Every structure is written in structure tokens, then in C-alpha cells.
Amino acid sequence: MRTRVIKIGGRAQGDPRLPALLAAASAVPETRLVIVHGGGDEVSAMQRKLGIEPTFVGGRRVTSEADLEIVRMLLSGTINKRLVAQLTTAGANAVGLSGEDGNTLVARVVEPSLGRVGGDVRVDPALLDHLLDGGWVPVVSPLAREHGGGGLNVNGDDAAAAIAMALGADELLFVADVEGVLDGGVCVPLLDGDGVRSLVARGVAQGGMLAKMEAALGALGGGVHRVRIAAIDAIADLELGTTVALTIPASKDHP
């Protein structure tokens, strides 16, 4: 049985092809699929409507207590349920949940300057395994419970990496707005850990891509076989995008 975790960024969620691509991925025999979604653009738009200017540090949103309520309302409410409805219409056996449900995601405040943002994410896979074993496709919004406390906003890439590690995923795919990791405008097809660190050191990976690269390294170190960063067509085509692995394989005949 193959396990895939796919993280969908907010902009990709607006692509009309997305529901059919995910439904087809869920229908592949002997495949367990978990979807983690973002929605940062909609959160930012709502913040601005309320007179709040969004702030980011290293690709991660600074989140006050008031911001957390906006994040929860949009991610676990509007966006999650909209995506589940689209997937259901496309034929996927989708079910939506928040990382807060069943203490699936538990985190702690690692960087106080970010506010109610969780790091050091831990996953209790019991609920996910139960749903997967029942033939469901979990669609997870990236919020977490604090150790002994309230809710926390978690970067979607960090949440997806933690879930992939907990499930022993064969692949973690970050669906981005670009075709992969770009160096000088050219997509880098293969990267190992040293290559990722080099791009970060040279400032090639910044903002949201920096967060993806950091999450990719964490996932690989936690046992995920490979990570890809790619555009939406990579959901169906396993050769597209940038493949990140602990070591670069001798050929592109990836599993």
C-alpha cells in the first residue's frame, strides 16, 4: 500500500482542474491519500478587510489571538468544506477535518515573535489511519492544539511534513505556484540535502519556498522516501517538478 500526502497551496485551490486531479489520485489502486490545504491568500484578504495588515517572517504568518480566529474560520470552515464539496462532486470519498480534531496535530509556540504559531509539530495518526483504512480521503486544515492549551496556526507545509512522517509516506508533494524549485529561472529537477542547503544559503529559496525547503528536509530526515515541489500537473505526472531526496538517485526511474 502506497501513501501519498499532497499539500495544496491557496492559489492552486482555484484551479478548476484540481478536484478531478485529486479524485483520480485517490482512485489509484493500493494508494492511501491525505490532502493538506492552505488558504493564505483568503486569510490575508479577510485580514485586510478587517483593517489588519498581514505580516510574514520566513514564509510563516505572524498570528495574534484575533488572527487565529480568522484563520480557524476560513481554513477549518469555508476553505476546508469548499474543497471537500468539490472533491466529493469529482468522485472522491473525501472528508474534512482540522488538525485540532482528535488532537491530530499538537504543537507548541517555538518563536514567540510569531504569536499563536505552532512549531515542533507532533501528529497522532490514529484518526487519519482510521479514516484511511475506511477508504476515506482526509482533507486536513493546518491548525493544531497547543500542549495543554488552545489552538495554534501551523504553516501548511510544516503540517504536511509532520503528517507524512507520522504515516511513513512514500511521497510528500508540495503543489506550488511554479513548476518546481527555480535557480536562475530554470527548474532544478533533482536536489539532495546539500543542494537544498546551498540554495537556502545563496538566498535562492525565500519566503514560501524557503518554508517548503525546510519542511522537505525535515520530512526526509523523518523517514519520508522522497519529496517533490511542483505545479498542479505533478499530482498525476510523477516525473514533474523538483524531486528532493536524501541522495540523488542514479536515474530518474523513481518509485
Protein backbone atom coordinates (compact mmCIF):
# COMPACT_ATOMS: atom_id res chain seq x y z
CA MET A 1 0.00 0.00 0.00
CA ARG A 2 1.41 3.36 -1.07
CA THR A 3 0.78 6.52 0.98
CA ARG A 4 0.86 9.98 -0.57
CA VAL A 5 0.49 13.29 1.24
CA ILE A 6 -0.31 16.23 -1.01
CA LYS A 7 -0.14 19.82 0.25
CA ILE A 8 -2.22 22.22 -1.84
CA GLY A 9 -1.43 25.92 -1.67
CA GLY A 10 -4.17 28.51 -1.69
CA ARG A 11 -3.73 29.61 -5.31
CA ALA A 12 -3.73 26.05 -6.63
CA GLN A 13 -7.10 25.58 -4.95
CA GLY A 14 -8.55 27.99 -7.50
CA ASP A 15 -7.51 25.84 -10.45
CA PRO A 16 -10.65 24.20 -11.91
CA ARG A 17 -8.65 21.04 -12.72
CA LEU A 18 -7.74 20.40 -9.08
CA PRO A 19 -10.77 18.34 -7.92
CA ALA A 20 -10.54 15.92 -10.85
CA LEU A 21 -6.77 15.51 -10.46
CA LEU A 22 -7.08 14.74 -6.74
CA ALA A 23 -10.04 12.43 -7.28
CA ALA A 24 -8.04 10.49 -9.87
CA ALA A 25 -5.06 10.29 -7.50
CA SER A 26 -7.31 8.90 -4.77
CA ALA A 27 -8.64 6.23 -7.15
CA VAL A 28 -5.20 4.74 -7.93
CA PRO A 29 -5.22 1.14 -6.62
CA GLU A 30 -3.33 0.42 -3.40
CA THR A 31 -2.99 4.14 -2.64
CA ARG A 32 -3.80 6.00 0.56
CA LEU A 33 -4.10 9.76 0.02
CA VAL A 34 -4.10 12.60 2.54
CA ILE A 35 -4.61 16.19 1.42
CA VAL A 36 -3.40 19.16 3.45
CA HIS A 37 -4.55 22.56 2.25
CA GLY A 38 -3.60 26.17 2.80
CA GLY A 39 -5.57 29.29 2.04
CA GLY A 40 -3.24 32.09 2.97
CA ASP A 41 -4.42 34.50 0.28
CA GLU A 42 -8.01 34.32 1.54
CA VAL A 43 -6.85 34.76 5.12
CA SER A 44 -4.80 37.82 4.11
CA ALA A 45 -7.75 39.26 2.17
CA MET A 46 -10.01 38.88 5.21
CA GLN A 47 -7.40 40.44 7.48
CA ARG A 48 -7.19 43.47 5.21
CA LYS A 49 -10.98 43.79 5.15
CA LEU A 50 -10.79 43.99 8.94
CA GLY A 51 -8.02 46.59 8.82
CA ILE A 52 -5.19 44.20 9.69
CA GLU A 53 -2.07 44.10 7.52
CA PRO A 54 -0.67 40.54 7.28
CA THR A 55 2.93 40.05 8.41
CA PHE A 56 5.22 37.16 7.50
CA VAL A 57 8.59 36.01 8.80
CA GLY A 58 10.44 33.33 6.81
CA GLY A 59 7.26 32.47 4.93
CA ARG A 60 5.28 31.99 8.16
CA ARG A 61 2.33 34.18 9.13
CA VAL A 62 2.53 36.20 12.35
CA THR A 63 -0.71 35.28 14.16
CA SER A 64 -2.31 37.15 17.04
CA GLU A 65 -5.20 35.76 19.07
CA ALA A 66 -7.61 37.73 16.86
CA ASP A 67 -5.86 36.49 13.72
CA LEU A 68 -6.19 32.91 14.94
CA GLU A 69 -9.98 33.20 14.91
CA ILE A 70 -9.84 34.41 11.30
CA VAL A 71 -7.50 31.56 10.35
CA ARG A 72 -9.74 28.97 12.04
CA MET A 73 -12.91 30.37 10.47
CA LEU A 74 -11.52 30.36 6.94
CA LEU A 75 -9.23 27.32 6.92
CA SER A 76 -11.26 24.87 9.01
CA GLY A 77 -14.59 26.30 7.88
CA THR A 78 -15.03 27.90 4.48
CA ILE A 79 -11.96 26.62 2.63
CA ASN A 80 -11.94 23.08 4.03
CA LYS A 81 -15.61 22.47 3.38
CA ARG A 82 -15.48 24.02 -0.08
CA LEU A 83 -12.60 21.73 -1.08
CA VAL A 84 -14.35 18.66 0.35
CA ALA A 85 -17.50 19.52 -1.61
CA GLN A 86 -15.50 19.90 -4.83
CA LEU A 87 -13.72 16.59 -4.30
CA THR A 88 -16.97 14.79 -3.47
CA THR A 89 -18.54 16.13 -6.65
CA ALA A 90 -15.49 14.87 -8.58
CA GLY A 91 -16.00 11.38 -7.16
CA ALA A 92 -13.52 11.30 -4.27
CA ASN A 93 -14.57 9.83 -0.92
CA ALA A 94 -13.42 12.99 0.86
CA VAL A 95 -13.91 14.00 4.49
CA GLY A 96 -12.76 17.26 6.05
CA LEU A 97 -11.13 17.76 9.41
CA SER A 98 -9.00 20.24 11.27
CA GLY A 99 -5.67 19.30 12.77
CA GLU A 100 -7.31 20.21 16.07
CA ASP A 101 -9.79 17.34 15.70
CA GLY A 102 -8.81 14.33 17.77
CA ASN A 103 -5.57 16.08 18.73
CA THR A 104 -4.31 15.03 15.30
CA LEU A 105 -1.82 17.91 15.29
CA VAL A 106 -0.26 19.07 18.55
CA ALA A 107 2.34 21.84 18.58
CA ARG A 108 3.94 24.48 20.76
CA VAL A 109 4.95 28.09 20.37
CA VAL A 110 8.59 27.92 19.32
CA GLU A 111 9.10 31.52 18.20
CA PRO A 112 7.13 33.94 20.42
CA SER A 113 7.53 36.79 17.91
CA LEU A 114 5.22 34.87 15.55
CA GLY A 115 2.41 34.84 18.11
CA ARG A 116 -0.05 31.93 18.02
CA VAL A 117 2.01 29.92 15.55
CA GLY A 118 2.87 26.32 16.30
CA GLY A 119 6.18 24.61 15.71
CA ASP A 120 7.67 21.29 16.79
CA VAL A 121 4.52 19.70 15.32
CA ARG A 122 3.60 16.24 16.56
CA VAL A 123 0.99 14.02 14.93
CA ASP A 124 -1.32 11.45 16.45
CA PRO A 125 -2.17 9.44 13.30
CA ALA A 126 -4.98 7.43 14.90
CA LEU A 127 -7.85 9.40 13.34
CA LEU A 128 -6.12 9.62 9.96
CA ASP A 129 -5.38 5.88 9.95
CA HIS A 130 -8.98 5.12 10.90
CA LEU A 131 -10.29 7.22 8.00
CA LEU A 132 -7.73 5.87 5.52
CA ASP A 133 -8.48 2.28 6.49
CA GLY A 134 -12.15 3.03 5.87
CA GLY A 135 -11.45 4.21 2.34
CA TRP A 136 -11.75 7.93 3.06
CA VAL A 137 -9.54 10.74 1.76
CA PRO A 138 -8.83 13.06 4.73
CA VAL A 139 -8.67 16.75 3.84
CA VAL A 140 -6.83 18.49 6.68
CA SER A 141 -6.73 22.17 7.62
CA PRO A 142 -3.41 23.08 9.29
CA LEU A 143 -4.38 24.08 12.79
CA ALA A 144 -3.10 22.37 15.93
CA ARG A 145 -3.75 22.13 19.62
CA GLU A 146 -1.15 23.55 21.96
CA HIS A 147 0.31 21.22 24.57
CA GLY A 148 -2.21 21.63 27.39
CA GLY A 149 -3.70 24.78 25.84
CA GLY A 150 -5.64 26.34 22.99
CA GLY A 151 -5.34 26.44 19.23
CA LEU A 152 -2.33 27.31 17.10
CA ASN A 153 -1.88 28.26 13.48
CA VAL A 154 0.57 25.90 11.78
CA ASN A 155 2.30 26.53 8.48
CA GLY A 156 0.66 24.17 5.99
CA ASP A 157 4.00 22.88 4.73
CA ASP A 158 5.10 22.03 8.27
CA ALA A 159 1.77 20.29 8.94
CA ALA A 160 2.02 18.24 5.74
CA ALA A 161 5.61 17.21 6.52
CA ALA A 162 4.66 16.12 10.03
CA ILE A 163 1.70 14.09 8.74
CA ALA A 164 3.85 12.47 6.06
CA MET A 165 6.41 11.43 8.66
CA ALA A 166 3.78 10.05 11.03
CA LEU A 167 2.19 7.97 8.26
CA GLY A 168 5.50 6.80 6.83
CA ALA A 169 4.51 8.31 3.49
CA ASP A 170 6.14 7.19 0.28
CA GLU A 171 5.82 10.68 -1.15
CA LEU A 172 5.13 14.19 0.07
CA LEU A 173 4.12 16.55 -2.75
CA PHE A 174 4.03 20.31 -2.29
CA VAL A 175 1.84 21.78 -5.04
CA ALA A 176 3.27 25.24 -5.66
CA ASP A 177 2.55 28.16 -7.99
CA VAL A 178 5.69 27.40 -10.01
CA GLU A 179 6.92 24.29 -11.82
CA GLY A 180 9.43 23.47 -9.09
CA VAL A 181 12.46 24.93 -7.35
CA LEU A 182 13.84 27.55 -9.69
CA ASP A 183 17.51 28.52 -9.88
CA GLY A 184 18.13 31.30 -12.37
CA GLY A 185 14.63 30.80 -13.72
CA VAL A 186 15.28 27.13 -14.50
CA CYS A 187 13.56 24.27 -12.67
CA VAL A 188 16.05 22.10 -10.78
CA PRO A 189 14.92 18.50 -11.42
CA LEU A 190 16.78 16.81 -8.55
CA LEU A 191 18.09 18.05 -5.22
CA ASP A 192 19.67 16.32 -2.27
CA GLY A 193 20.05 17.80 1.21
CA ASP A 194 23.29 19.57 0.36
CA GLY A 195 21.69 21.07 -2.72
CA VAL A 196 18.75 22.37 -0.70
CA ARG A 197 21.05 23.91 1.90
CA SER A 198 23.09 25.54 -0.86
CA LEU A 199 20.01 27.16 -2.39
CA VAL A 200 18.92 28.42 1.02
CA ALA A 201 22.39 29.78 1.77
CA ARG A 202 22.52 31.59 -1.58
CA GLY A 203 19.14 33.16 -0.96
CA VAL A 204 17.56 31.41 -3.95
CA ALA A 205 14.85 29.94 -1.70
CA GLN A 206 12.99 32.66 0.17
CA GLY A 207 9.57 33.22 1.70
CA GLY A 208 7.09 30.44 0.97
CA MET A 209 9.64 28.42 -0.99
CA LEU A 210 12.05 28.61 1.96
CA ALA A 211 9.33 27.16 4.20
CA LYS A 212 8.80 24.32 1.70
CA MET A 213 12.51 23.56 1.53
CA GLU A 214 12.83 23.49 5.31
CA ALA A 215 9.77 21.24 5.56
CA ALA A 216 11.19 18.98 2.83
CA LEU A 217 14.44 18.46 4.72
CA GLY A 218 12.55 17.72 7.93
CA ALA A 219 10.34 15.18 6.17
CA LEU A 220 13.28 13.41 4.57
CA GLY A 221 15.07 13.28 7.90
CA GLY A 222 11.91 11.79 9.41
CA GLY A 223 11.74 8.87 7.00
CA VAL A 224 9.67 10.13 4.06
CA HIS A 225 11.15 8.48 0.97
CA ARG A 226 11.02 11.50 -1.30
CA VAL A 227 9.57 14.97 -1.53
CA ARG A 228 8.53 16.85 -4.64
CA ILE A 229 7.86 20.54 -5.17
CA ALA A 230 5.91 21.10 -8.36
CA ALA A 231 2.95 22.68 -10.10
CA ILE A 232 -0.53 21.16 -10.15
CA ASP A 233 0.08 18.77 -13.07
CA ALA A 234 2.55 16.86 -10.86
CA ILE A 235 -0.40 15.33 -8.99
CA ALA A 236 -0.85 12.99 -11.96
CA ASP A 237 2.64 13.03 -13.50
CA LEU A 238 5.21 11.61 -11.08
CA GLU A 239 8.12 12.92 -13.17
CA LEU A 240 7.30 16.62 -12.96
CA GLY A 241 8.79 19.21 -10.64
CA THR A 242 11.77 19.15 -8.32
CA THR A 243 12.41 15.88 -6.52
CA VAL A 244 14.15 16.25 -3.18
CA ALA A 245 15.80 13.16 -1.72
CA LEU A 246 18.45 12.39 0.86
CA THR A 247 20.67 11.29 -2.02
CA ILE A 248 20.23 11.88 -5.72
CA PRO A 249 19.18 8.62 -7.42
CA ALA A 250 21.29 7.26 -10.26
CA SER A 251 18.38 7.58 -12.69
CA LYS A 252 15.01 9.26 -12.89
CA ASP A 253 13.18 5.94 -12.55
CA HIS A 254 11.60 6.98 -9.28
CA PRO A 255 9.29 4.62 -7.45
